[in-house]
Amino acid sequence: MTRRQVHLAAHFPGVNNTTVWADPRSKSQIDFDSFVHLARTAERGRFDFFFLAEGLRLRELKGRIHDLDVVGRPESLTVLSALAAVTSHLGLAATVNSTFNEPYEVARRLATLDHLSGGRAAWNVVTSYDAFTGENFRRGGYLDEADRYTRAAEFLRTARELWDSWRPDTVVADAGRGEFVRSDGIETFRHQGRHIAIEGRFNVPRGPQGHPVIIQAGDSEEGREFAASDADVIFSRHSRLEEGRAFYKDVKARLAKYGRRPDDLKILPAVTYVLGDTEEEAAERAAEIRRAQVSPQTAIAFLEGIWGRDLSDVDPDGPLPDIEPDFSEGVSKGRAQFRGDRRATAEQWREVARQKRLTVRELVIEVTGRQTFVGTARTVADQIDEFVQTEAADGFIFVPHLTPGGLDDLVDKVVPLLQEKGVFRADYTGPTLRDHLGLAAVPHRQEATL
């Protein structure tokens, strides 16, 4: 029986409540050396790709900049273009917003990265939901939340039209005839849609992959449908076994209506890990890391985000305050976890705190997530394999808690065990990211109709 192959990717975390930035081993979140170390570690481990997130505005709490965001986030495509020169096979995935950018600019930059890297570019297509982020742009707040995926779909469709406006054989470079490009190989593009109306000529030849790999991270009904119709990879948050199986089954079942096969879309949850020489040691380390990730200040900030009030006088090592939440506008801006039904979340938190007799800090540690894989290297390798073999995931995007050395143990201790099991590559078998993911190069639209 053929065993399903595991796909692995690396996420550069930046400063947030995953990163333990105060750890002495933690280095800069912005120096290029940090990006190089993590990317080269991922490539040494034969990972599929290296993933950068994006933030278009510094988050705020009670009208002040949330201090964990002060470091900022460098622009993804700039960083990845530099990494293309110091890596040879690793895919390079940039998060680029489709709400506040323009298709021509994004398509041009991604095609450029695909050429510079020899076919390793990927685009995580994201949307923005709020006027707060939009204030940084000239069209701030103009787009209703209900329209964000309709614009994203049209944006992606337009980018593909731009990439396909160059035929694959356009560049001939025939010195004898004095012909560099075929005059009929560059088409005029024209897109007239609800959100986008552009026409002209694209100025970058089609990239080695045809189109960059498309990644999508939405979990809503609209997000799942968008992924099923248009994405090559979905960045999932479902990292528990049963939840993962349900999500996997739901999304894969949507592909057929778009003429796609289950293997045309890879489902990769975001995960963390903690290793130890014994299960007990790993559990102790995991608990220490969670306490470092949720400092007293972070615990109060999370509580304020849900309660919608200034709770700076609350003792983080005491019980939940006997204060009714304010469910109006709230005090946190730019943090997605404080969207949705805060009333239901507050009720759930109160019940968890009551049942387990937790302090504020213990509660936030409990409800804001745990390390996904905790144990010895063998245990973690077995857990990763179980997810993939039982169709709870096609692989994982690892988000380390240390920058830039947080993947070292995974690559040195877990990856060899996956290779020993025969479920992970011993070496790259092709030059492009589509090769790593087992995806075919995208044919030109005229070739696809032959």
Protein backbone atom coordinates (compact mmCIF):
# COMPACT_ATOMS: atom_id res chain seq x y z
CA MET A 1 0.00 0.00 0.00
CA THR A 2 1.36 3.40 -1.01
CA ARG A 3 1.79 5.74 1.94
CA ARG A 4 0.70 9.34 1.57
CA GLN A 5 3.59 11.81 1.44
CA VAL A 6 3.90 14.56 4.04
CA HIS A 7 4.28 18.19 2.95
CA LEU A 8 6.10 20.60 5.27
CA ALA A 9 6.43 24.37 5.23
CA ALA A 10 7.94 26.99 7.55
CA HIS A 11 6.36 30.21 8.78
CA PHE A 12 8.48 33.14 9.95
CA PRO A 13 6.47 34.20 13.02
CA GLY A 14 7.46 37.81 13.72
CA VAL A 15 6.72 39.29 17.12
CA ASN A 16 3.31 38.18 18.37
CA ASN A 17 1.93 35.97 21.11
CA THR A 18 3.52 32.90 19.48
CA THR A 19 7.05 34.27 19.63
CA VAL A 20 8.98 34.14 22.89
CA TRP A 21 10.96 37.26 22.03
CA ALA A 22 12.39 37.60 25.56
CA ASP A 23 14.18 34.24 25.32
CA PRO A 24 17.97 34.82 25.18
CA ARG A 25 18.13 32.64 22.06
CA SER A 26 15.65 34.85 20.20
CA LYS A 27 17.21 37.21 17.66
CA SER A 28 16.01 40.07 15.48
CA GLN A 29 12.63 39.86 13.78
CA ILE A 30 13.73 42.16 10.95
CA ASP A 31 17.45 41.60 10.27
CA PHE A 32 18.00 39.70 7.04
CA ASP A 33 20.22 37.16 8.82
CA SER A 34 17.18 35.94 10.76
CA PHE A 35 15.23 35.28 7.58
CA VAL A 36 18.24 33.57 6.02
CA HIS A 37 18.76 31.23 8.99
CA LEU A 38 15.14 30.06 9.10
CA ALA A 39 14.87 29.71 5.32
CA ARG A 40 18.10 27.75 5.01
CA THR A 41 17.06 25.49 7.87
CA ALA A 42 13.77 24.78 6.08
CA GLU A 43 15.63 24.05 2.84
CA ARG A 44 18.06 21.76 4.66
CA GLY A 45 14.97 19.90 5.87
CA ARG A 46 13.65 19.69 2.27
CA PHE A 47 10.55 21.70 3.17
CA ASP A 48 8.18 22.72 0.39
CA PHE A 49 8.13 26.44 1.11
CA PHE A 50 8.94 29.35 3.42
CA PHE A 51 5.94 31.51 4.32
CA LEU A 52 5.70 35.18 5.31
CA ALA A 53 2.59 36.78 6.76
CA GLU A 54 1.59 40.40 6.29
CA GLY A 55 0.25 43.19 8.47
CA LEU A 56 -0.87 46.42 6.84
CA ARG A 57 -1.36 48.41 10.03
CA LEU A 58 0.01 48.32 13.56
CA ARG A 59 -2.64 46.93 15.88
CA GLU A 60 -3.97 49.09 18.68
CA LEU A 61 -5.28 48.52 22.17
CA LYS A 62 -7.20 51.24 23.99
CA GLY A 63 -6.14 53.75 21.36
CA ARG A 64 -2.43 52.98 21.75
CA ILE A 65 -0.11 50.88 19.60
CA HIS A 66 -0.10 47.28 20.74
CA ASP A 67 3.53 46.90 21.81
CA LEU A 68 4.04 43.44 20.30
CA ASP A 69 3.54 45.00 16.87
CA VAL A 70 6.03 47.83 17.22
CA VAL A 71 8.74 45.83 15.46
CA GLY A 72 6.65 46.03 12.29
CA ARG A 73 6.53 43.56 9.42
CA PRO A 74 8.88 43.98 6.46
CA GLU A 75 7.24 43.79 3.04
CA SER A 76 7.08 40.12 2.07
CA LEU A 77 8.01 40.16 -1.61
CA THR A 78 11.09 42.28 -0.95
CA VAL A 79 12.36 39.82 1.66
CA LEU A 80 11.60 36.78 -0.49
CA SER A 81 13.33 38.28 -3.53
CA ALA A 82 16.47 38.58 -1.42
CA LEU A 83 16.04 35.01 -0.12
CA ALA A 84 15.81 33.74 -3.69
CA ALA A 85 19.54 34.51 -3.99
CA VAL A 86 20.56 32.47 -0.92
CA THR A 87 18.32 29.41 -1.45
CA SER A 88 18.08 27.06 -4.41
CA HIS A 89 14.94 24.91 -4.05
CA LEU A 90 12.78 26.24 -1.22
CA GLY A 91 9.43 27.71 -2.26
CA LEU A 92 8.93 31.38 -1.34
CA ALA A 93 5.39 32.31 -0.28
CA ALA A 94 4.32 35.93 0.18
CA THR A 95 1.10 37.14 1.77
CA VAL A 96 -0.23 39.97 -0.39
CA ASN A 97 -3.53 41.72 0.28
CA SER A 98 -6.15 41.79 -2.48
CA THR A 99 -8.29 44.52 -0.91
CA PHE A 100 -5.82 47.40 -0.95
CA ASN A 101 -3.47 46.51 -3.82
CA GLU A 102 -3.83 46.57 -7.61
CA PRO A 103 -3.72 43.45 -9.82
CA TYR A 104 -1.15 44.78 -12.29
CA GLU A 105 1.37 45.66 -9.58
CA VAL A 106 0.92 42.39 -7.65
CA ALA A 107 1.00 40.21 -10.79
CA ARG A 108 4.19 41.95 -11.94
CA ARG A 109 5.99 41.52 -8.63
CA LEU A 110 4.98 37.85 -8.30
CA ALA A 111 5.99 37.05 -11.88
CA THR A 112 9.32 38.72 -11.15
CA LEU A 113 9.84 36.60 -8.02
CA ASP A 114 8.97 33.46 -9.99
CA HIS A 115 11.66 34.33 -12.56
CA LEU A 116 14.28 35.35 -9.98
CA SER A 117 13.76 32.12 -8.01
CA GLY A 118 13.52 29.75 -10.99
CA GLY A 119 9.86 28.91 -10.36
CA ARG A 120 9.49 28.98 -6.58
CA ALA A 121 6.98 31.82 -6.02
CA ALA A 122 3.70 31.49 -4.13
CA TRP A 123 1.00 34.02 -3.27
CA ASN A 124 -1.11 33.81 -0.13
CA VAL A 125 -4.21 35.74 -1.22
CA VAL A 126 -5.75 37.57 1.74
CA THR A 127 -8.45 40.16 2.26
CA SER A 128 -9.04 42.96 4.77
CA TYR A 129 -12.31 43.30 6.60
CA ASP A 130 -12.11 46.68 8.35
CA ALA A 131 -11.97 50.41 7.75
CA PHE A 132 -9.27 50.64 10.45
CA THR A 133 -6.73 48.94 8.16
CA GLY A 134 -8.13 50.84 5.18
CA GLU A 135 -7.26 54.19 6.72
CA ASN A 136 -3.67 53.58 5.56
CA PHE A 137 -4.90 53.52 1.95
CA ARG A 138 -6.69 55.97 -0.30
CA ARG A 139 -9.79 53.77 -0.49
CA GLY A 140 -9.94 53.23 3.24
CA GLY A 141 -13.12 51.51 4.37
CA TYR A 142 -14.77 51.60 0.96
CA LEU A 143 -15.29 47.83 0.66
CA ASP A 144 -18.10 46.09 2.50
CA GLU A 145 -16.98 42.95 4.32
CA ALA A 146 -19.44 40.91 2.25
CA ASP A 147 -17.57 41.95 -0.91
CA ARG A 148 -14.06 41.11 0.16
CA TYR A 149 -14.06 37.61 -1.37
CA THR A 150 -15.80 38.74 -4.56
CA ARG A 151 -13.02 41.28 -5.04
CA ALA A 152 -10.36 38.69 -4.12
CA ALA A 153 -11.71 36.24 -6.71
CA GLU A 154 -11.82 38.94 -9.39
CA PHE A 155 -8.37 40.17 -8.38
CA LEU A 156 -6.89 36.68 -8.77
CA ARG A 157 -8.71 36.13 -12.05
CA THR A 158 -7.29 39.41 -13.37
CA ALA A 159 -3.75 38.50 -12.28
CA ARG A 160 -4.04 35.22 -14.16
CA GLU A 161 -5.19 37.09 -17.26
CA LEU A 162 -2.09 39.27 -17.01
CA TRP A 163 0.26 36.28 -16.60
CA ASP A 164 -1.37 34.56 -19.58
CA SER A 165 -1.15 37.64 -21.81
CA TRP A 166 2.39 36.47 -22.68
CA ARG A 167 2.51 33.23 -24.64
CA PRO A 168 5.15 30.75 -23.37
CA ASP A 169 7.20 30.97 -26.61
CA THR A 170 7.13 34.77 -26.92
CA VAL A 171 10.81 35.35 -26.10
CA VAL A 172 12.80 33.93 -29.05
CA ALA A 173 16.05 35.95 -28.77
CA ASP A 174 16.98 35.11 -32.41
CA ALA A 175 20.07 37.19 -33.18
CA GLY A 176 20.18 35.95 -36.78
CA ARG A 177 16.74 37.37 -37.55
CA GLY A 178 17.14 40.31 -35.20
CA GLU A 179 14.01 39.22 -33.35
CA PHE A 180 13.91 39.21 -29.55
CA VAL A 181 10.16 38.65 -28.99
CA ARG A 182 7.41 37.45 -31.25
CA SER A 183 5.25 40.43 -32.13
CA ASP A 184 2.08 38.36 -31.78
CA GLY A 185 3.16 36.78 -28.48
CA ILE A 186 2.16 39.65 -26.19
CA GLU A 187 -1.57 40.18 -26.12
CA THR A 188 -3.45 43.26 -25.02
CA PHE A 189 -5.28 42.50 -21.80
CA ARG A 190 -8.66 43.95 -21.03
CA HIS A 191 -10.61 43.28 -17.85
CA GLN A 192 -13.93 44.95 -17.14
CA GLY A 193 -15.51 43.69 -13.93
CA ARG A 194 -17.39 44.79 -10.84
CA HIS A 195 -14.28 45.74 -8.87
CA ILE A 196 -11.54 46.03 -11.48
CA ALA A 197 -11.44 47.77 -14.87
CA ILE A 198 -8.00 47.80 -16.55
CA GLU A 199 -6.49 47.34 -19.99
CA GLY A 200 -3.05 47.52 -21.54
CA ARG A 201 -0.01 45.29 -21.96
CA PHE A 202 1.79 43.36 -19.24
CA ASN A 203 5.57 43.84 -19.14
CA VAL A 204 6.89 40.60 -17.55
CA PRO A 205 7.12 37.27 -19.43
CA ARG A 206 5.20 34.32 -18.08
CA GLY A 207 7.04 32.72 -15.14
CA PRO A 208 8.56 29.22 -15.01
CA GLN A 209 5.52 27.80 -13.18
CA GLY A 210 3.03 29.46 -15.52
CA HIS A 211 1.31 30.93 -12.46
CA PRO A 212 2.72 31.17 -8.94
CA VAL A 213 1.27 28.70 -6.44
CA ILE A 214 -1.88 30.18 -4.89
CA ILE A 215 -2.41 29.87 -1.12
CA GLN A 216 -5.58 30.82 0.74
CA ALA A 217 -6.19 31.03 4.48
CA GLY A 218 -9.91 31.66 4.98
CA ASP A 219 -12.06 29.37 7.11
CA SER A 220 -15.47 30.95 6.48
CA GLU A 221 -17.95 29.45 4.04
CA GLU A 222 -16.81 31.98 1.43
CA GLY A 223 -13.15 31.23 2.20
CA ARG A 224 -13.58 27.48 1.82
CA GLU A 225 -15.36 27.94 -1.49
CA PHE A 226 -12.69 30.34 -2.73
CA ALA A 227 -10.00 27.81 -1.84
CA ALA A 228 -11.85 24.97 -3.56
CA SER A 229 -12.27 26.96 -6.76
CA ASP A 230 -8.96 28.79 -7.00
CA ALA A 231 -6.25 27.77 -4.49
CA ASP A 232 -3.43 25.24 -4.64
CA VAL A 233 -2.85 25.28 -0.86
CA ILE A 234 -5.13 26.18 2.02
CA PHE A 235 -3.49 27.44 5.23
CA SER A 236 -5.82 25.89 7.83
CA ARG A 237 -6.19 26.52 11.55
CA HIS A 238 -7.62 23.03 12.24
CA SER A 239 -4.73 21.30 13.99
CA ARG A 240 -6.65 18.80 16.12
CA LEU A 241 -7.20 15.38 14.62
CA GLU A 242 -11.00 15.16 14.47
CA GLU A 243 -11.46 18.83 13.55
CA GLY A 244 -8.83 18.37 10.85
CA ARG A 245 -10.61 15.36 9.37
CA ALA A 246 -13.93 17.22 9.25
CA PHE A 247 -12.37 20.26 7.59
CA TYR A 248 -10.38 18.11 5.16
CA LYS A 249 -13.48 16.16 4.11
CA ASP A 250 -15.56 19.32 3.69
CA VAL A 251 -13.08 21.26 1.57
CA LYS A 252 -11.95 18.33 -0.59
CA ALA A 253 -15.60 17.50 -1.36
CA ARG A 254 -16.05 20.97 -2.88
CA LEU A 255 -13.38 20.50 -5.56
CA ALA A 256 -15.34 18.31 -7.97
CA LYS A 257 -17.81 21.04 -8.88
CA TYR A 258 -14.88 23.07 -10.23
CA GLY A 259 -13.51 20.16 -12.24
CA ARG A 260 -10.67 19.59 -9.79
CA ARG A 261 -9.27 16.46 -8.14
CA PRO A 262 -8.65 16.09 -4.37
CA ASP A 263 -4.87 16.23 -4.86
CA ASP A 264 -5.16 19.59 -6.66
CA LEU A 265 -5.50 21.34 -3.28
CA LYS A 266 -3.14 20.70 -0.36
CA ILE A 267 -4.50 21.33 3.14
CA LEU A 268 -1.76 22.46 5.53
CA PRO A 269 -2.72 23.47 9.09
CA ALA A 270 -0.54 25.90 11.02
CA VAL A 271 1.10 24.07 13.92
CA THR A 272 3.74 24.36 16.64
CA TYR A 273 5.90 21.74 18.32
CA VAL A 274 7.94 21.10 21.47
CA LEU A 275 10.45 18.26 21.75
CA GLY A 276 11.96 16.57 24.78
CA ASP A 277 14.06 13.50 25.48
CA THR A 278 11.01 12.08 27.29
CA GLU A 279 7.28 12.78 27.11
CA GLU A 280 7.42 14.33 30.59
CA GLU A 281 10.27 16.65 29.68
CA ALA A 282 8.47 17.79 26.54
CA ALA A 283 5.28 18.49 28.51
CA GLU A 284 7.22 20.54 31.06
CA ARG A 285 8.89 22.54 28.29
CA ALA A 286 5.54 23.12 26.60
CA ALA A 287 4.07 24.51 29.82
CA GLU A 288 7.07 26.82 30.28
CA ILE A 289 6.76 28.09 26.72
CA ARG A 290 3.04 28.79 27.11
CA ARG A 291 3.71 30.85 30.24
CA ALA A 292 6.40 32.78 28.37
CA GLN A 293 4.05 33.37 25.45
CA VAL A 294 1.29 34.66 27.73
CA SER A 295 2.95 37.22 29.98
CA PRO A 296 0.84 38.99 32.63
CA GLN A 297 0.52 41.97 30.26
CA THR A 298 -0.51 39.75 27.37
CA ALA A 299 -3.13 38.02 29.51
CA ILE A 300 -4.75 41.33 30.44
CA ALA A 301 -4.59 42.53 26.81
CA PHE A 302 -6.45 39.41 25.65
CA LEU A 303 -9.05 39.84 28.39
CA GLU A 304 -9.56 43.49 27.44
CA GLY A 305 -9.98 42.50 23.80
CA ILE A 306 -12.92 40.23 24.68
CA TRP A 307 -14.39 42.31 27.54
CA GLY A 308 -14.15 45.57 25.58
CA ARG A 309 -13.02 47.48 28.67
CA ASP A 310 -9.91 48.88 30.32
CA LEU A 311 -8.90 46.16 32.80
CA SER A 312 -5.42 47.42 33.63
CA ASP A 313 -6.23 47.29 37.37
CA VAL A 314 -7.10 43.57 37.22
CA ASP A 315 -4.63 41.13 38.78
CA PRO A 316 -3.56 38.65 36.05
CA ASP A 317 -2.89 36.07 38.75
CA GLY A 318 -6.32 36.55 40.28
CA PRO A 319 -9.81 35.44 39.24
CA LEU A 320 -11.83 36.83 36.35
CA PRO A 321 -13.17 40.29 37.29
CA ASP A 322 -16.80 40.61 38.32
CA ILE A 323 -17.34 43.18 35.58
CA GLU A 324 -19.83 42.92 32.74
CA PRO A 325 -18.21 43.09 29.28
CA ASP A 326 -18.93 45.99 26.94
CA PHE A 327 -19.97 44.50 23.61
CA SER A 328 -20.09 47.76 21.69
CA GLU A 329 -17.09 48.92 19.62
CA GLY A 330 -14.40 47.35 21.80
CA VAL A 331 -10.91 48.52 22.72
CA SER A 332 -8.81 46.44 20.30
CA LYS A 333 -8.33 47.25 16.62
CA GLY A 334 -6.66 45.15 13.96
CA ARG A 335 -6.70 41.81 15.79
CA ALA A 336 -8.84 39.20 14.05
CA GLN A 337 -9.32 37.08 17.18
CA PHE A 338 -11.47 39.81 18.74
CA ARG A 339 -13.97 39.79 15.90
CA GLY A 340 -17.14 37.74 15.90
CA ASP A 341 -19.44 37.01 18.82
CA ARG A 342 -17.55 38.37 21.82
CA ARG A 343 -20.55 37.76 24.05
CA ALA A 344 -20.42 34.01 23.39
CA THR A 345 -16.65 34.02 23.86
CA ALA A 346 -16.93 35.82 27.22
CA GLU A 347 -19.53 33.30 28.41
CA GLN A 348 -17.32 30.41 27.33
CA TRP A 349 -14.29 31.90 29.11
CA ARG A 350 -16.28 32.37 32.31
CA GLU A 351 -17.43 28.76 32.21
CA VAL A 352 -13.91 27.43 31.61
CA ALA A 353 -12.52 29.58 34.43
CA ARG A 354 -15.27 28.44 36.79
CA GLN A 355 -14.94 24.74 36.03
CA LYS A 356 -11.14 24.65 36.20
CA ARG A 357 -10.71 27.39 38.82
CA LEU A 358 -8.29 29.33 36.66
CA THR A 359 -6.72 32.73 37.15
CA VAL A 360 -6.89 35.28 34.34
CA ARG A 361 -3.46 34.32 33.05
CA GLU A 362 -4.14 30.60 33.38
CA LEU A 363 -7.41 31.09 31.51
CA VAL A 364 -5.80 32.91 28.59
CA ILE A 365 -3.13 30.20 28.40
CA GLU A 366 -5.91 27.59 28.33
CA VAL A 367 -8.14 29.17 25.68
CA THR A 368 -5.66 30.74 23.25
CA GLY A 369 -4.07 27.54 22.04
CA ARG A 370 -1.42 25.01 22.90
CA GLN A 371 1.56 23.51 21.16
CA THR A 372 0.17 21.10 18.60
CA PHE A 373 2.83 18.40 18.74
CA VAL A 374 4.49 17.76 22.11
CA GLY A 375 6.70 14.77 22.86
CA THR A 376 9.85 12.99 21.80
CA ALA A 377 11.03 13.23 18.22
CA ARG A 378 9.56 9.77 17.57
CA THR A 379 6.19 10.72 19.06
CA VAL A 380 5.98 13.91 17.02
CA ALA A 381 6.95 12.11 13.81
CA ASP A 382 4.25 9.51 14.49
CA GLN A 383 1.65 12.23 15.15
CA ILE A 384 2.50 14.08 11.94
CA ASP A 385 2.26 10.84 9.98
CA GLU A 386 -1.09 9.92 11.56
CA PHE A 387 -2.65 13.23 10.49
CA VAL A 388 -1.58 12.73 6.90
CA GLN A 389 -2.33 9.00 6.59
CA THR A 390 -5.84 9.45 8.09
CA GLU A 391 -6.67 12.47 5.89
CA ALA A 392 -6.74 15.14 8.56
CA ALA A 393 -4.14 17.13 6.60
CA ASP A 394 -1.74 16.88 3.67
CA GLY A 395 1.06 18.28 5.82
CA PHE A 396 1.79 21.24 8.07
CA ILE A 397 3.08 24.79 8.20
CA PHE A 398 5.29 24.98 11.27
CA VAL A 399 5.31 28.23 13.27
CA PRO A 400 8.28 28.13 15.65
CA HIS A 401 8.27 30.01 18.96
CA LEU A 402 11.88 31.12 18.54
CA THR A 403 13.35 33.22 15.74
CA PRO A 404 15.43 32.24 13.90
CA GLY A 405 16.48 28.88 15.40
CA GLY A 406 13.05 27.50 16.19
CA LEU A 407 13.05 24.87 13.42
CA ASP A 408 16.51 23.46 14.08
CA ASP A 409 15.34 20.58 16.30
CA LEU A 410 12.48 19.69 13.97
CA VAL A 411 14.78 19.43 10.96
CA ASP A 412 17.55 17.62 12.82
CA LYS A 413 15.46 15.16 14.84
CA VAL A 414 11.95 14.73 13.36
CA VAL A 415 12.50 15.01 9.61
CA PRO A 416 14.95 12.05 9.53
CA LEU A 417 12.29 9.89 11.21
CA LEU A 418 9.70 10.90 8.60
CA GLN A 419 12.21 10.01 5.90
CA GLU A 420 12.84 6.68 7.64
CA LYS A 421 9.08 6.00 7.49
CA GLY A 422 9.14 6.65 3.75
CA VAL A 423 6.63 9.50 3.98
CA PHE A 424 8.92 12.46 3.34
CA ARG A 425 11.40 13.15 0.56
CA ALA A 426 15.10 12.51 1.02
CA ASP A 427 15.83 15.21 -1.55
CA TYR A 428 14.02 17.57 -3.87
CA THR A 429 12.94 15.91 -7.10
CA GLY A 430 12.33 19.06 -9.14
CA PRO A 431 13.25 22.74 -9.21
CA THR A 432 9.86 24.42 -8.76
CA LEU A 433 7.43 24.74 -5.89
CA ARG A 434 4.77 23.03 -7.98
CA ASP A 435 7.15 20.07 -8.25
CA HIS A 436 7.49 19.94 -4.44
CA LEU A 437 3.72 20.02 -3.97
CA GLY A 438 3.01 17.48 -6.70
CA LEU A 439 1.14 20.04 -8.78
CA ALA A 440 1.40 20.35 -12.55
CA ALA A 441 2.66 23.54 -14.15
CA VAL A 442 -0.25 25.74 -15.23
CA PRO A 443 -0.74 25.55 -19.00
CA HIS A 444 -1.32 28.74 -20.97
CA ARG A 445 -5.04 29.22 -21.44
CA GLN A 446 -4.71 28.60 -25.19
CA GLU A 447 -2.81 25.36 -24.57
CA ALA A 448 -5.42 24.29 -22.01
CA THR A 449 -8.15 24.42 -24.67
CA LEU A 450 -6.31 22.27 -27.25
